[in-house]
Each structure stands twice: as C-alpha cells, then as structure tokens.
Amino acid sequence: MIKVPAISVANERTVSATMNVSNANLLNSLSLMIMGIWGYFAVSSVTALIPVAFGIVLFICYLISSKRPDLNKLVSHIAILLTLIILLALIGMRLPTSIDSGGAGLARVLVMIVTSVLAMVFFVKSFIDARRS
C-alpha cells in the first residue's frame, strides 16, 4: 500500500497566495497574446489579432497596477470590462465556428476562454472581498 503525504497548510497558503487577481490578469493577457499570434500565423487572418490587442491592453493594466497601487480600482474595472468583452466574443462568435472546424483552432479558443473565465472569477472575488471590508 502506497502512502501519499498530506499537503501541509503552509503549502496551501503558498499556492493560494500565488494566484491572485494580478497574476490571473497576467496569465489571461499572455494567453490572449500567445494564442492570438499563433492563430494569426496558422490562418493568416487579421481578425486573429483581436485577442492580441486585448491581451496587450490587459498586460498594460497589469503593469500599471503593479507600479501604481493607487490606481488599482480604476485599472481593475478597465481590465474586468475588457475581459468580459473578449470572453463574450470568444464564446458567442468564435467558439461555435471553432467547434465546427475543430483542431488546434478549437484548442486555442478554449485556452483563451478558460484563462478569461479564471481572470473573471478572481476579479469578481476581489470586488466582493473589497466590498465586505
């Protein structure tokens, strides 16, 4: 019989402390940029660069929030609005087309949707926590 060691409380805190709103936004912005550039080179369509533009603006939001904490509220609201817009566009417009064609295009869209949903969850949780305090 194999015994699996339990995860200590210290490790759980470390894991949860590493993924926060800022890091979720960074992950989302990088995935939008990388997947969008990959999509552009795969299909040579300028519309594949739309997520790249959103990713760049979200990355700028990340940089501003890390350098100027006094602007966090404004930057967070801008970032959540952009994340919501790209998420709705990915789910409503791109996902049905990607499901029909399948392949790597579907994988790219799913990665962008997952990271956008993750960022949205962290943004909403952050707003709820700020409202409570």
Protein backbone atom coordinates (compact mmCIF):
# COMPACT_ATOMS: atom_id res chain seq x y z
CA MET A 1 0.00 0.00 0.00
CA ILE A 2 1.37 3.41 -1.00
CA LYS A 3 1.00 6.28 1.42
CA VAL A 4 0.54 9.74 -0.07
CA PRO A 5 1.70 12.58 2.19
CA ALA A 6 -0.89 15.20 3.01
CA ILE A 7 -0.40 18.74 1.78
CA SER A 8 0.50 20.98 4.66
CA VAL A 9 -1.40 24.16 5.46
CA ALA A 10 1.70 26.19 4.65
CA ASN A 11 1.77 24.79 1.11
CA GLU A 12 -1.93 25.50 0.64
CA ARG A 13 -1.41 29.11 1.65
CA THR A 14 1.52 29.38 -0.71
CA VAL A 15 -0.49 28.01 -3.61
CA SER A 16 -3.46 30.27 -2.98
CA ALA A 17 -1.25 33.30 -2.41
CA THR A 18 0.49 32.89 -5.75
CA MET A 19 -2.71 33.09 -7.80
CA ASN A 20 -4.34 36.44 -7.21
CA VAL A 21 -6.15 38.99 -9.34
CA SER A 22 -2.94 40.44 -10.71
CA ASN A 23 -1.48 37.07 -11.66
CA ALA A 24 -4.78 35.88 -13.14
CA ASN A 25 -4.86 39.02 -15.29
CA LEU A 26 -1.23 38.45 -16.33
CA LEU A 27 -1.96 34.82 -17.24
CA ASN A 28 -5.01 35.88 -19.24
CA SER A 29 -3.18 38.65 -21.09
CA LEU A 30 -0.30 36.35 -22.00
CA SER A 31 -2.62 33.59 -23.19
CA LEU A 32 -4.60 36.05 -25.34
CA MET A 33 -1.40 37.35 -26.91
CA ILE A 34 0.23 33.96 -27.47
CA MET A 35 -2.89 32.19 -28.74
CA GLY A 36 -3.80 35.16 -30.95
CA ILE A 37 -0.35 35.31 -32.54
CA TRP A 38 -0.39 31.54 -33.04
CA GLY A 39 -3.84 31.85 -34.65
CA TYR A 40 -2.65 34.63 -36.92
CA PHE A 41 0.24 32.57 -38.24
CA ALA A 42 -1.96 29.48 -38.56
CA VAL A 43 -4.75 31.09 -40.59
CA SER A 44 -3.25 34.40 -41.79
CA SER A 45 -6.34 36.31 -40.75
CA VAL A 46 -6.05 39.79 -39.28
CA THR A 47 -9.06 39.10 -37.03
CA ALA A 48 -6.91 36.59 -35.14
CA LEU A 49 -5.03 39.61 -33.81
CA ILE A 50 -8.09 40.93 -31.92
CA PRO A 51 -7.26 38.85 -28.81
CA VAL A 52 -3.66 40.08 -29.11
CA ALA A 53 -4.86 43.69 -28.87
CA PHE A 54 -6.97 42.87 -25.82
CA GLY A 55 -4.03 40.97 -24.32
CA ILE A 56 -1.71 43.94 -24.80
CA VAL A 57 -4.14 46.32 -23.10
CA LEU A 58 -4.67 43.83 -20.24
CA PHE A 59 -0.89 43.48 -19.89
CA ILE A 60 -0.61 47.27 -19.68
CA CYS A 61 -3.29 47.17 -16.96
CA TYR A 62 -1.17 44.60 -15.12
CA LEU A 63 1.93 46.80 -15.37
CA ILE A 64 0.07 49.90 -14.19
CA SER A 65 -1.48 48.10 -11.23
CA SER A 66 1.89 46.71 -10.16
CA LYS A 67 3.64 50.09 -10.42
CA ARG A 68 0.81 52.33 -9.19
CA PRO A 69 -1.27 50.61 -6.48
CA ASP A 70 -3.27 53.82 -6.02
CA LEU A 71 -4.82 53.20 -9.47
CA ASN A 72 -5.81 49.57 -8.74
CA LYS A 73 -9.54 50.30 -8.55
CA LEU A 74 -9.66 52.07 -11.91
CA VAL A 75 -7.34 49.61 -13.64
CA SER A 76 -9.28 46.63 -12.25
CA HIS A 77 -12.53 47.97 -13.61
CA ILE A 78 -10.99 48.54 -17.04
CA ALA A 79 -9.45 45.06 -17.01
CA ILE A 80 -12.67 43.31 -16.00
CA LEU A 81 -14.62 45.16 -18.69
CA LEU A 82 -12.11 44.17 -21.38
CA THR A 83 -12.01 40.60 -20.08
CA LEU A 84 -15.81 40.38 -20.17
CA ILE A 85 -15.93 41.76 -23.73
CA ILE A 86 -13.33 39.32 -25.06
CA LEU A 87 -14.91 36.43 -23.15
CA LEU A 88 -18.35 37.13 -24.64
CA ALA A 89 -16.82 37.48 -28.12
CA LEU A 90 -14.92 34.21 -27.75
CA ILE A 91 -17.95 32.28 -26.50
CA GLY A 92 -20.56 33.90 -28.73
CA MET A 93 -18.74 34.34 -32.01
CA ARG A 94 -15.56 32.29 -32.14
CA LEU A 95 -16.40 29.11 -30.20
CA PRO A 96 -19.25 27.90 -32.47
CA THR A 97 -17.03 28.28 -35.55
CA SER A 98 -14.11 26.57 -33.82
CA ILE A 99 -16.31 23.67 -32.70
CA ASP A 100 -17.34 23.09 -36.31
CA SER A 101 -13.76 23.13 -37.60
CA GLY A 102 -12.11 21.52 -34.55
CA GLY A 103 -8.36 21.02 -34.35
CA ALA A 104 -5.81 23.44 -32.97
CA GLY A 105 -8.14 26.41 -33.51
CA LEU A 106 -10.59 24.95 -31.01
CA ALA A 107 -7.77 24.34 -28.53
CA ARG A 108 -6.61 27.95 -28.85
CA VAL A 109 -10.13 29.29 -28.29
CA LEU A 110 -10.65 27.01 -25.28
CA VAL A 111 -7.38 28.15 -23.70
CA MET A 112 -8.39 31.80 -24.11
CA ILE A 113 -11.87 31.11 -22.70
CA VAL A 114 -10.50 29.22 -19.68
CA THR A 115 -7.99 31.92 -18.78
CA SER A 116 -10.59 34.65 -19.28
CA VAL A 117 -13.07 32.84 -17.02
CA LEU A 118 -10.33 32.35 -14.44
CA ALA A 119 -9.49 36.05 -14.52
CA MET A 120 -13.19 36.96 -14.23
CA VAL A 121 -13.58 34.71 -11.18
CA PHE A 122 -10.61 36.35 -9.47
CA PHE A 123 -11.83 39.86 -10.36
CA VAL A 124 -15.33 39.20 -9.03
CA LYS A 125 -13.96 37.57 -5.88
CA SER A 126 -11.70 40.57 -5.36
CA PHE A 127 -14.60 43.01 -5.79
CA ILE A 128 -16.73 41.03 -3.33
CA ASP A 129 -13.88 40.93 -0.79
CA ALA A 130 -13.29 44.68 -1.17
CA ARG A 131 -16.99 45.37 -0.72
CA ARG A 132 -17.09 43.33 2.51
CA SER A 133 -14.15 45.14 4.06
